[in-house]
Amino acid sequence: MTWLVEVLSRPTINWWDALDIALVSILVYELLLLIRGTRAVQMALSGGFIIGLFFVSRWLELETVNWVIRNLAGYVVFAIIVLFQSDIRRALAHFGRAPFFRHFERAQSTDETIEELVVTAANLASRRTGAIIVIERQIGLRNYIEGGIPLDAMVTYDLMAAIFHPGSPLHDGAAIVQGDRVAAAACFLPLSVNPRLSRELGTRHRAALGLTEENDAVAIVVSEETGSISLVRDGNLERGISPEALRTQLRTLVASRRRLRLSRAEPRSSLA
């Protein structure tokens, strides 16, 4: 009964201990989510077996087995780094995209995303390939993202060109951009019912107008018939915009979104 007395005589758990346990639990949970469905699962099971064997060898006084495990432990760490370097990079990238780290976004990443979008629009317009690209701002577009094909990939010209290639199954519909990533493609948007719209406008332009009439998103539309670039925001359509003007306006819109987001976060930090 001595062990029971020792357990009951331990100090009470304070809120620091609870916080410590909660943080470790979150880290373990995120780690399990990352390795789920990968080859790291088998490695984790093997590691658990070796750890269990280590304690069993100590309990049963199996000195040889215990000595082997203790001497191999250091080499196993290096073997894991070499064998699972791609999974480790993916895990670090996953943690780097957490909401906490988004407050430390660099302006360079935003400029690179805008440049990729401008290059995409210009090249698609030169080939007269129809496209509609929606950029999320303050109001979320989750309902439309869930209705499309999820991608969650970095915004690059190669990816956008592949999405809107005429033979691609993702060509029909819109690509939605969240931050510096393409959240989904082949997303269907609501069409505008404004009776004053010109009959010359196609489905892409009407879809961009219908979406921006409901929220503060920005849409880039490339006409398949004329090859012109249009910028749509707040239910207004600006046709025949040049790549230089598109670049300037996108920088202004993204910068204004960031300033608004930071201004909303300041009162919370002051209250804290």
C-alpha atoms as a PDB file:
ATOM      1  CA  MET A   1       0.000   0.000   0.000  1.00  0.00           C
ATOM      2  CA  THR A   2       3.037   2.269   0.081  1.00  0.00           C
ATOM      3  CA  TRP A   3       2.662   3.223  -3.602  1.00  0.00           C
ATOM      4  CA  LEU A   4      -0.975   4.188  -3.019  1.00  0.00           C
ATOM      5  CA  VAL A   5       0.025   6.458  -0.147  1.00  0.00           C
ATOM      6  CA  GLU A   6       2.681   8.111  -2.343  1.00  0.00           C
ATOM      7  CA  VAL A   7       0.159   8.747  -5.142  1.00  0.00           C
ATOM      8  CA  LEU A   8      -2.376  10.279  -2.768  1.00  0.00           C
ATOM      9  CA  SER A   9       0.242  12.426  -1.047  1.00  0.00           C
ATOM     10  CA  ARG A  10       1.376  14.145  -4.257  1.00  0.00           C
ATOM     11  CA  PRO A  11       0.737  17.914  -4.525  1.00  0.00           C
ATOM     12  CA  THR A  12      -2.439  19.118  -6.205  1.00  0.00           C
ATOM     13  CA  ILE A  13      -2.410  20.055  -9.894  1.00  0.00           C
ATOM     14  CA  ASN A  14      -2.511  23.814 -10.497  1.00  0.00           C
ATOM     15  CA  TRP A  15      -3.516  25.632 -13.673  1.00  0.00           C
ATOM     16  CA  TRP A  16       0.113  25.732 -14.908  1.00  0.00           C
ATOM     17  CA  ASP A  17       0.200  21.945 -14.833  1.00  0.00           C
ATOM     18  CA  ALA A  18      -3.134  21.811 -16.665  1.00  0.00           C
ATOM     19  CA  LEU A  19      -1.774  24.190 -19.327  1.00  0.00           C
ATOM     20  CA  ASP A  20       1.359  22.080 -19.683  1.00  0.00           C
ATOM     21  CA  ILE A  21      -0.692  18.917 -20.142  1.00  0.00           C
ATOM     22  CA  ALA A  22      -2.998  20.636 -22.644  1.00  0.00           C
ATOM     23  CA  LEU A  23      -0.083  21.872 -24.790  1.00  0.00           C
ATOM     24  CA  VAL A  24       1.540  18.452 -24.866  1.00  0.00           C
ATOM     25  CA  SER A  25      -1.803  16.856 -25.744  1.00  0.00           C
ATOM     26  CA  ILE A  26      -2.276  19.269 -28.649  1.00  0.00           C
ATOM     27  CA  LEU A  27       1.220  18.563 -29.967  1.00  0.00           C
ATOM     28  CA  VAL A  28       0.686  14.813 -29.755  1.00  0.00           C
ATOM     29  CA  TYR A  29      -2.698  15.126 -31.474  1.00  0.00           C
ATOM     30  CA  GLU A  30      -1.248  17.224 -34.317  1.00  0.00           C
ATOM     31  CA  LEU A  31       1.606  14.744 -34.692  1.00  0.00           C
ATOM     32  CA  LEU A  32      -0.833  11.846 -34.971  1.00  0.00           C
ATOM     33  CA  LEU A  33      -2.805  13.735 -37.611  1.00  0.00           C
ATOM     34  CA  LEU A  34       0.360  14.339 -39.624  1.00  0.00           C
ATOM     35  CA  ILE A  35       1.546  10.734 -39.641  1.00  0.00           C
ATOM     36  CA  ARG A  36      -1.904   9.234 -40.211  1.00  0.00           C
ATOM     37  CA  GLY A  37      -1.980   7.355 -43.495  1.00  0.00           C
ATOM     38  CA  THR A  38       1.811   7.610 -44.039  1.00  0.00           C
ATOM     39  CA  ARG A  39       4.675   5.180 -43.644  1.00  0.00           C
ATOM     40  CA  ALA A  40       5.603   6.975 -40.421  1.00  0.00           C
ATOM     41  CA  VAL A  41       2.773   5.069 -38.710  1.00  0.00           C
ATOM     42  CA  GLN A  42       4.675   1.774 -39.008  1.00  0.00           C
ATOM     43  CA  MET A  43       7.828   3.510 -37.768  1.00  0.00           C
ATOM     44  CA  ALA A  44       5.951   4.882 -34.745  1.00  0.00           C
ATOM     45  CA  LEU A  45       4.617   1.419 -33.928  1.00  0.00           C
ATOM     46  CA  SER A  46       8.120  -0.020 -34.179  1.00  0.00           C
ATOM     47  CA  GLY A  47       9.453   2.745 -31.952  1.00  0.00           C
ATOM     48  CA  GLY A  48       6.759   2.045 -29.383  1.00  0.00           C
ATOM     49  CA  PHE A  49       7.637  -1.633 -29.461  1.00  0.00           C
ATOM     50  CA  ILE A  50      11.337  -0.891 -28.881  1.00  0.00           C
ATOM     51  CA  ILE A  51      10.537   1.447 -25.984  1.00  0.00           C
ATOM     52  CA  GLY A  52       8.306  -1.187 -24.439  1.00  0.00           C
ATOM     53  CA  LEU A  53      11.011  -3.791 -24.929  1.00  0.00           C
ATOM     54  CA  PHE A  54      13.502  -1.491 -23.181  1.00  0.00           C
ATOM     55  CA  PHE A  55      11.393  -1.287 -20.006  1.00  0.00           C
ATOM     56  CA  VAL A  56      10.602  -4.996 -20.120  1.00  0.00           C
ATOM     57  CA  SER A  57      14.327  -5.789 -20.368  1.00  0.00           C
ATOM     58  CA  ARG A  58      14.990  -3.657 -17.308  1.00  0.00           C
ATOM     59  CA  TRP A  59      12.170  -5.311 -15.376  1.00  0.00           C
ATOM     60  CA  LEU A  60      13.290  -8.841 -16.321  1.00  0.00           C
ATOM     61  CA  GLU A  61      16.983  -7.886 -15.980  1.00  0.00           C
ATOM     62  CA  LEU A  62      17.815  -8.818 -19.571  1.00  0.00           C
ATOM     63  CA  GLU A  63      21.149  -7.006 -19.598  1.00  0.00           C
ATOM     64  CA  THR A  64      22.152  -7.855 -23.173  1.00  0.00           C
ATOM     65  CA  VAL A  65      18.870  -6.675 -24.694  1.00  0.00           C
ATOM     66  CA  ASN A  66      18.942  -3.527 -22.570  1.00  0.00           C
ATOM     67  CA  TRP A  67      22.549  -2.793 -23.603  1.00  0.00           C
ATOM     68  CA  VAL A  68      21.745  -3.182 -27.310  1.00  0.00           C
ATOM     69  CA  ILE A  69      18.738  -0.875 -27.135  1.00  0.00           C
ATOM     70  CA  ARG A  70      20.629   1.798 -25.162  1.00  0.00           C
ATOM     71  CA  ASN A  71      23.530   1.832 -27.637  1.00  0.00           C
ATOM     72  CA  LEU A  72      21.342   1.873 -30.737  1.00  0.00           C
ATOM     73  CA  ALA A  73      19.063   4.677 -29.525  1.00  0.00           C
ATOM     74  CA  GLY A  74      21.411   7.462 -30.688  1.00  0.00           C
ATOM     75  CA  TYR A  75      21.752   6.006 -34.185  1.00  0.00           C
ATOM     76  CA  VAL A  76      17.996   5.536 -34.531  1.00  0.00           C
ATOM     77  CA  VAL A  77      17.474   9.298 -34.237  1.00  0.00           C
ATOM     78  CA  PHE A  78      19.781   9.976 -37.207  1.00  0.00           C
ATOM     79  CA  ALA A  79      18.160   7.152 -39.188  1.00  0.00           C
ATOM     80  CA  ILE A  80      14.722   8.712 -38.655  1.00  0.00           C
ATOM     81  CA  ILE A  81      15.963  12.118 -39.876  1.00  0.00           C
ATOM     82  CA  VAL A  82      17.416  10.586 -43.047  1.00  0.00           C
ATOM     83  CA  LEU A  83      14.546   8.234 -43.862  1.00  0.00           C
ATOM     84  CA  PHE A  84      11.723  10.635 -43.065  1.00  0.00           C
ATOM     85  CA  GLN A  85      13.159  13.979 -44.153  1.00  0.00           C
ATOM     86  CA  SER A  86      10.267  14.617 -46.560  1.00  0.00           C
ATOM     87  CA  ASP A  87       7.693  13.909 -43.836  1.00  0.00           C
ATOM     88  CA  ILE A  88       9.568  16.188 -41.422  1.00  0.00           C
ATOM     89  CA  ARG A  89       9.546  19.018 -43.980  1.00  0.00           C
ATOM     90  CA  ARG A  90       5.820  18.502 -44.497  1.00  0.00           C
ATOM     91  CA  ALA A  91       5.210  18.617 -40.752  1.00  0.00           C
ATOM     92  CA  LEU A  92       7.194  21.826 -40.308  1.00  0.00           C
ATOM     93  CA  ALA A  93       5.373  23.415 -43.245  1.00  0.00           C
ATOM     94  CA  HIS A  94       2.057  22.381 -41.689  1.00  0.00           C
ATOM     95  CA  PHE A  95       2.921  24.060 -38.390  1.00  0.00           C
ATOM     96  CA  GLY A  96       4.189  27.119 -40.263  1.00  0.00           C
ATOM     97  CA  ARG A  97       0.748  27.574 -41.834  1.00  0.00           C
ATOM     98  CA  ALA A  98      -0.964  27.674 -38.450  1.00  0.00           C
ATOM     99  CA  PRO A  99      -3.123  30.769 -37.786  1.00  0.00           C
ATOM    100  CA  PHE A 100      -0.670  32.062 -35.149  1.00  0.00           C
ATOM    101  CA  PHE A 101       2.160  32.420 -37.677  1.00  0.00           C
ATOM    102  CA  ARG A 102       0.000  34.222 -40.235  1.00  0.00           C
ATOM    103  CA  HIS A 103       0.518  37.435 -38.254  1.00  0.00           C
ATOM    104  CA  PHE A 104       4.169  37.276 -39.303  1.00  0.00           C
ATOM    105  CA  GLU A 105       3.521  37.096 -43.035  1.00  0.00           C
ATOM    106  CA  ARG A 106       6.092  38.898 -45.114  1.00  0.00           C
ATOM    107  CA  ALA A 107       5.135  41.400 -47.749  1.00  0.00           C
ATOM    108  CA  GLN A 108       7.416  39.513 -50.135  1.00  0.00           C
ATOM    109  CA  SER A 109       5.116  36.474 -50.163  1.00  0.00           C
ATOM    110  CA  THR A 110       2.156  38.723 -50.982  1.00  0.00           C
ATOM    111  CA  ASP A 111       4.032  40.387 -53.827  1.00  0.00           C
ATOM    112  CA  GLU A 112       5.037  36.999 -55.197  1.00  0.00           C
ATOM    113  CA  THR A 113       1.430  35.794 -55.127  1.00  0.00           C
ATOM    114  CA  ILE A 114       0.212  38.922 -56.899  1.00  0.00           C
ATOM    115  CA  GLU A 115       2.947  38.595 -59.500  1.00  0.00           C
ATOM    116  CA  GLU A 116       1.980  34.976 -60.178  1.00  0.00           C
ATOM    117  CA  LEU A 117      -1.665  35.986 -60.615  1.00  0.00           C
ATOM    118  CA  VAL A 118      -0.779  38.844 -62.971  1.00  0.00           C
ATOM    119  CA  VAL A 119       1.493  36.622 -65.073  1.00  0.00           C
ATOM    120  CA  THR A 120      -1.252  33.993 -65.188  1.00  0.00           C
ATOM    121  CA  ALA A 121      -3.891  36.491 -66.338  1.00  0.00           C
ATOM    122  CA  ALA A 122      -1.589  37.996 -68.975  1.00  0.00           C
ATOM    123  CA  ASN A 123      -0.593  34.629 -70.457  1.00  0.00           C
ATOM    124  CA  LEU A 124      -4.126  33.269 -70.454  1.00  0.00           C
ATOM    125  CA  ALA A 125      -5.350  36.456 -72.130  1.00  0.00           C
ATOM    126  CA  SER A 126      -2.686  36.183 -74.845  1.00  0.00           C
ATOM    127  CA  ARG A 127      -3.920  32.670 -75.644  1.00  0.00           C
ATOM    128  CA  ARG A 128      -7.597  33.616 -75.203  1.00  0.00           C
ATOM    129  CA  THR A 129      -8.113  30.979 -72.538  1.00  0.00           C
ATOM    130  CA  GLY A 130     -11.105  31.695 -70.340  1.00  0.00           C
ATOM    131  CA  ALA A 131     -10.527  31.840 -66.596  1.00  0.00           C
ATOM    132  CA  ILE A 132     -11.963  33.218 -63.375  1.00  0.00           C
ATOM    133  CA  ILE A 133      -9.798  33.633 -60.276  1.00  0.00           C
ATOM    134  CA  VAL A 134     -11.362  34.733 -56.987  1.00  0.00           C
ATOM    135  CA  ILE A 135      -9.268  36.238 -54.177  1.00  0.00           C
ATOM    136  CA  GLU A 136     -10.741  35.906 -50.692  1.00  0.00           C
ATOM    137  CA  ARG A 137     -10.585  38.982 -48.465  1.00  0.00           C
ATOM    138  CA  GLN A 138     -12.360  39.567 -45.128  1.00  0.00           C
ATOM    139  CA  ILE A 139     -15.519  37.542 -45.814  1.00  0.00           C
ATOM    140  CA  GLY A 140     -14.807  33.827 -46.086  1.00  0.00           C
ATOM    141  CA  LEU A 141     -15.681  31.751 -49.146  1.00  0.00           C
ATOM    142  CA  ARG A 142     -15.870  28.389 -47.427  1.00  0.00           C
ATOM    143  CA  ASN A 143     -19.254  27.484 -48.895  1.00  0.00           C
ATOM    144  CA  TYR A 144     -17.919  27.835 -52.436  1.00  0.00           C
ATOM    145  CA  ILE A 145     -14.610  26.148 -51.616  1.00  0.00           C
ATOM    146  CA  GLU A 146     -16.369  23.067 -50.257  1.00  0.00           C
ATOM    147  CA  GLY A 147     -18.362  22.808 -53.485  1.00  0.00           C
ATOM    148  CA  GLY A 148     -15.193  22.656 -55.604  1.00  0.00           C
ATOM    149  CA  ILE A 149     -12.135  20.428 -55.834  1.00  0.00           C
ATOM    150  CA  PRO A 150      -9.808  21.082 -52.851  1.00  0.00           C
ATOM    151  CA  LEU A 151      -6.172  21.790 -53.748  1.00  0.00           C
ATOM    152  CA  ASP A 152      -4.460  23.745 -50.927  1.00  0.00           C
ATOM    153  CA  ALA A 153      -1.384  24.488 -53.063  1.00  0.00           C
ATOM    154  CA  MET A 154       0.911  27.463 -53.506  1.00  0.00           C
ATOM    155  CA  VAL A 155      -0.172  30.004 -56.128  1.00  0.00           C
ATOM    156  CA  THR A 156       2.078  29.513 -59.152  1.00  0.00           C
ATOM    157  CA  TYR A 157       1.678  30.220 -62.835  1.00  0.00           C
ATOM    158  CA  ASP A 158       2.212  26.547 -63.736  1.00  0.00           C
ATOM    159  CA  LEU A 159      -0.571  25.446 -61.427  1.00  0.00           C
ATOM    160  CA  MET A 160      -3.012  28.092 -62.659  1.00  0.00           C
ATOM    161  CA  ALA A 161      -2.200  27.313 -66.297  1.00  0.00           C
ATOM    162  CA  ALA A 162      -2.861  23.621 -65.634  1.00  0.00           C
ATOM    163  CA  ILE A 163      -6.172  24.409 -63.925  1.00  0.00           C
ATOM    164  CA  PHE A 164      -7.517  26.525 -66.786  1.00  0.00           C
ATOM    165  CA  HIS A 165      -6.151  24.429 -69.618  1.00  0.00           C
ATOM    166  CA  PRO A 166      -9.093  23.778 -71.998  1.00  0.00           C
ATOM    167  CA  GLY A 167      -8.684  20.013 -71.653  1.00  0.00           C
ATOM    168  CA  SER A 168      -8.472  20.061 -67.861  1.00  0.00           C
ATOM    169  CA  PRO A 169     -11.444  18.794 -65.821  1.00  0.00           C
ATOM    170  CA  LEU A 170     -10.912  21.825 -63.534  1.00  0.00           C
ATOM    171  CA  HIS A 171     -11.305  24.321 -66.381  1.00  0.00           C
ATOM    172  CA  ASP A 172     -14.991  24.957 -65.766  1.00  0.00           C
ATOM    173  CA  GLY A 173     -15.585  26.971 -62.630  1.00  0.00           C
ATOM    174  CA  ALA A 174     -13.492  29.340 -60.559  1.00  0.00           C
ATOM    175  CA  ALA A 175     -10.221  28.981 -58.682  1.00  0.00           C
ATOM    176  CA  ILE A 176     -10.367  30.493 -55.188  1.00  0.00           C
ATOM    177  CA  VAL A 177      -7.204  31.927 -53.639  1.00  0.00           C
ATOM    178  CA  GLN A 178      -6.764  32.242 -49.868  1.00  0.00           C
ATOM    179  CA  GLY A 179      -3.655  34.188 -48.933  1.00  0.00           C
ATOM    180  CA  ASP A 180      -0.829  32.677 -50.965  1.00  0.00           C
ATOM    181  CA  ARG A 181      -2.549  29.343 -51.658  1.00  0.00           C
ATOM    182  CA  VAL A 182      -5.122  28.034 -54.114  1.00  0.00           C
ATOM    183  CA  ALA A 183      -7.785  26.629 -51.811  1.00  0.00           C
ATOM    184  CA  ALA A 184      -9.919  24.960 -54.484  1.00  0.00           C
ATOM    185  CA  ALA A 185     -10.710  24.879 -58.193  1.00  0.00           C
ATOM    186  CA  ALA A 186     -13.807  24.109 -60.264  1.00  0.00           C
ATOM    187  CA  CYS A 187     -15.893  26.144 -57.821  1.00  0.00           C
ATOM    188  CA  PHE A 188     -19.319  27.252 -59.012  1.00  0.00           C
ATOM    189  CA  LEU A 189     -20.377  30.797 -58.145  1.00  0.00           C
ATOM    190  CA  PRO A 190     -23.804  32.455 -58.069  1.00  0.00           C
ATOM    191  CA  LEU A 191     -24.737  34.337 -61.243  1.00  0.00           C
ATOM    192  CA  SER A 192     -25.721  37.974 -61.060  1.00  0.00           C
ATOM    193  CA  VAL A 193     -29.403  38.706 -61.712  1.00  0.00           C
ATOM    194  CA  ASN A 194     -28.857  42.395 -62.388  1.00  0.00           C
ATOM    195  CA  PRO A 195     -31.115  43.197 -65.393  1.00  0.00           C
ATOM    196  CA  ARG A 196     -28.939  46.154 -66.402  1.00  0.00           C
ATOM    197  CA  LEU A 197     -25.952  44.004 -67.311  1.00  0.00           C
ATOM    198  CA  SER A 198     -24.865  43.938 -70.920  1.00  0.00           C
ATOM    199  CA  ARG A 199     -25.861  40.900 -72.930  1.00  0.00           C
ATOM    200  CA  GLU A 200     -22.288  40.683 -74.152  1.00  0.00           C
ATOM    201  CA  LEU A 201     -21.152  39.447 -70.747  1.00  0.00           C
ATOM    202  CA  GLY A 202     -20.643  35.713 -70.513  1.00  0.00           C
ATOM    203  CA  THR A 203     -21.137  33.277 -67.675  1.00  0.00           C
ATOM    204  CA  ARG A 204     -17.730  33.966 -66.117  1.00  0.00           C
ATOM    205  CA  HIS A 205     -18.338  37.703 -65.870  1.00  0.00           C
ATOM    206  CA  ARG A 206     -21.834  37.202 -64.470  1.00  0.00           C
ATOM    207  CA  ALA A 207     -20.524  34.714 -61.914  1.00  0.00           C
ATOM    208  CA  ALA A 208     -17.808  37.144 -60.803  1.00  0.00           C
ATOM    209  CA  LEU A 209     -20.376  39.929 -60.483  1.00  0.00           C
ATOM    210  CA  GLY A 210     -22.789  37.685 -58.604  1.00  0.00           C
ATOM    211  CA  LEU A 211     -20.123  36.707 -56.074  1.00  0.00           C
ATOM    212  CA  THR A 212     -18.758  40.210 -55.488  1.00  0.00           C
ATOM    213  CA  GLU A 213     -22.280  41.554 -55.026  1.00  0.00           C
ATOM    214  CA  GLU A 214     -22.557  39.347 -51.931  1.00  0.00           C
ATOM    215  CA  ASN A 215     -19.141  39.835 -50.298  1.00  0.00           C
ATOM    216  CA  ASP A 216     -15.853  41.735 -50.547  1.00  0.00           C
ATOM    217  CA  ALA A 217     -13.987  39.196 -52.690  1.00  0.00           C
ATOM    218  CA  VAL A 218     -12.039  40.284 -55.769  1.00  0.00           C
ATOM    219  CA  ALA A 219     -12.292  38.381 -59.039  1.00  0.00           C
ATOM    220  CA  ILE A 220     -10.034  38.328 -62.094  1.00  0.00           C
ATOM    221  CA  VAL A 221     -11.806  37.265 -65.278  1.00  0.00           C
ATOM    222  CA  VAL A 222     -10.141  36.433 -68.593  1.00  0.00           C
ATOM    223  CA  SER A 223     -12.502  36.482 -71.570  1.00  0.00           C
ATOM    224  CA  GLU A 224     -12.330  33.502 -73.883  1.00  0.00           C
ATOM    225  CA  GLU A 225     -13.859  35.464 -76.782  1.00  0.00           C
ATOM    226  CA  THR A 226     -11.822  38.684 -76.659  1.00  0.00           C
ATOM    227  CA  GLY A 227      -8.831  37.761 -74.502  1.00  0.00           C
ATOM    228  CA  SER A 228      -9.348  40.834 -72.315  1.00  0.00           C
ATOM    229  CA  ILE A 229      -8.725  40.955 -68.583  1.00  0.00           C
ATOM    230  CA  SER A 230     -11.423  42.216 -66.210  1.00  0.00           C
ATOM    231  CA  LEU A 231     -11.240  43.052 -62.513  1.00  0.00           C
ATOM    232  CA  VAL A 232     -14.459  42.675 -60.532  1.00  0.00           C
ATOM    233  CA  ARG A 233     -15.086  43.988 -57.016  1.00  0.00           C
ATOM    234  CA  ASP A 234     -18.124  45.250 -55.077  1.00  0.00           C
ATOM    235  CA  GLY A 235     -20.372  44.259 -57.969  1.00  0.00           C
ATOM    236  CA  ASN A 236     -18.506  46.545 -60.397  1.00  0.00           C
ATOM    237  CA  LEU A 237     -16.757  45.336 -63.528  1.00  0.00           C
ATOM    238  CA  GLU A 238     -13.645  46.984 -64.961  1.00  0.00           C
ATOM    239  CA  ARG A 239     -12.989  45.594 -68.429  1.00  0.00           C
ATOM    240  CA  GLY A 240      -9.913  45.723 -70.618  1.00  0.00           C
ATOM    241  CA  ILE A 241      -7.500  46.257 -67.741  1.00  0.00           C
ATOM    242  CA  SER A 242      -3.764  45.977 -68.472  1.00  0.00           C
ATOM    243  CA  PRO A 243      -1.452  43.670 -66.512  1.00  0.00           C
ATOM    244  CA  GLU A 244       0.327  46.704 -64.996  1.00  0.00           C
ATOM    245  CA  ALA A 245      -2.946  48.210 -63.788  1.00  0.00           C
ATOM    246  CA  LEU A 246      -4.048  44.818 -62.492  1.00  0.00           C
ATOM    247  CA  ARG A 247      -0.834  44.492 -60.504  1.00  0.00           C
ATOM    248  CA  THR A 248      -1.258  47.953 -58.968  1.00  0.00           C
ATOM    249  CA  GLN A 249      -4.879  47.431 -57.969  1.00  0.00           C
ATOM    250  CA  LEU A 250      -4.243  43.989 -56.498  1.00  0.00           C
ATOM    251  CA  ARG A 251      -1.445  45.375 -54.358  1.00  0.00           C
ATOM    252  CA  THR A 252      -3.745  48.096 -53.084  1.00  0.00           C
ATOM    253  CA  LEU A 253      -6.580  45.681 -52.340  1.00  0.00           C
ATOM    254  CA  VAL A 254      -4.406  43.112 -50.572  1.00  0.00           C
ATOM    255  CA  ALA A 255      -2.644  45.826 -48.561  1.00  0.00           C
ATOM    256  CA  SER A 256      -5.979  47.307 -47.469  1.00  0.00           C
ATOM    257  CA  ARG A 257      -7.154  43.857 -46.408  1.00  0.00           C
ATOM    258  CA  ARG A 258      -4.042  43.390 -44.273  1.00  0.00           C
ATOM    259  CA  ARG A 259      -4.386  46.817 -42.638  1.00  0.00           C
ATOM    260  CA  LEU A 260      -7.999  46.104 -41.794  1.00  0.00           C
ATOM    261  CA  ARG A 261      -7.119  42.729 -40.339  1.00  0.00           C
ATOM    262  CA  LEU A 262      -4.369  44.188 -38.168  1.00  0.00           C
ATOM    263  CA  SER A 263      -6.597  47.030 -36.969  1.00  0.00           C
ATOM    264  CA  ARG A 264      -9.194  44.499 -35.862  1.00  0.00           C
ATOM    265  CA  ALA A 265      -6.545  42.469 -34.031  1.00  0.00           C
ATOM    266  CA  GLU A 266      -5.179  45.466 -32.069  1.00  0.00           C
ATOM    267  CA  PRO A 267      -8.183  45.911 -29.717  1.00  0.00           C
ATOM    268  CA  ARG A 268      -7.987  42.218 -28.813  1.00  0.00           C
ATOM    269  CA  SER A 269      -4.320  42.506 -27.915  1.00  0.00           C
ATOM    270  CA  SER A 270      -4.938  45.626 -25.830  1.00  0.00           C
ATOM    271  CA  LEU A 271      -7.681  43.880 -23.902  1.00  0.00           C
ATOM    272  CA  ALA A 272      -5.400  40.963 -23.262  1.00  0.00           C
END
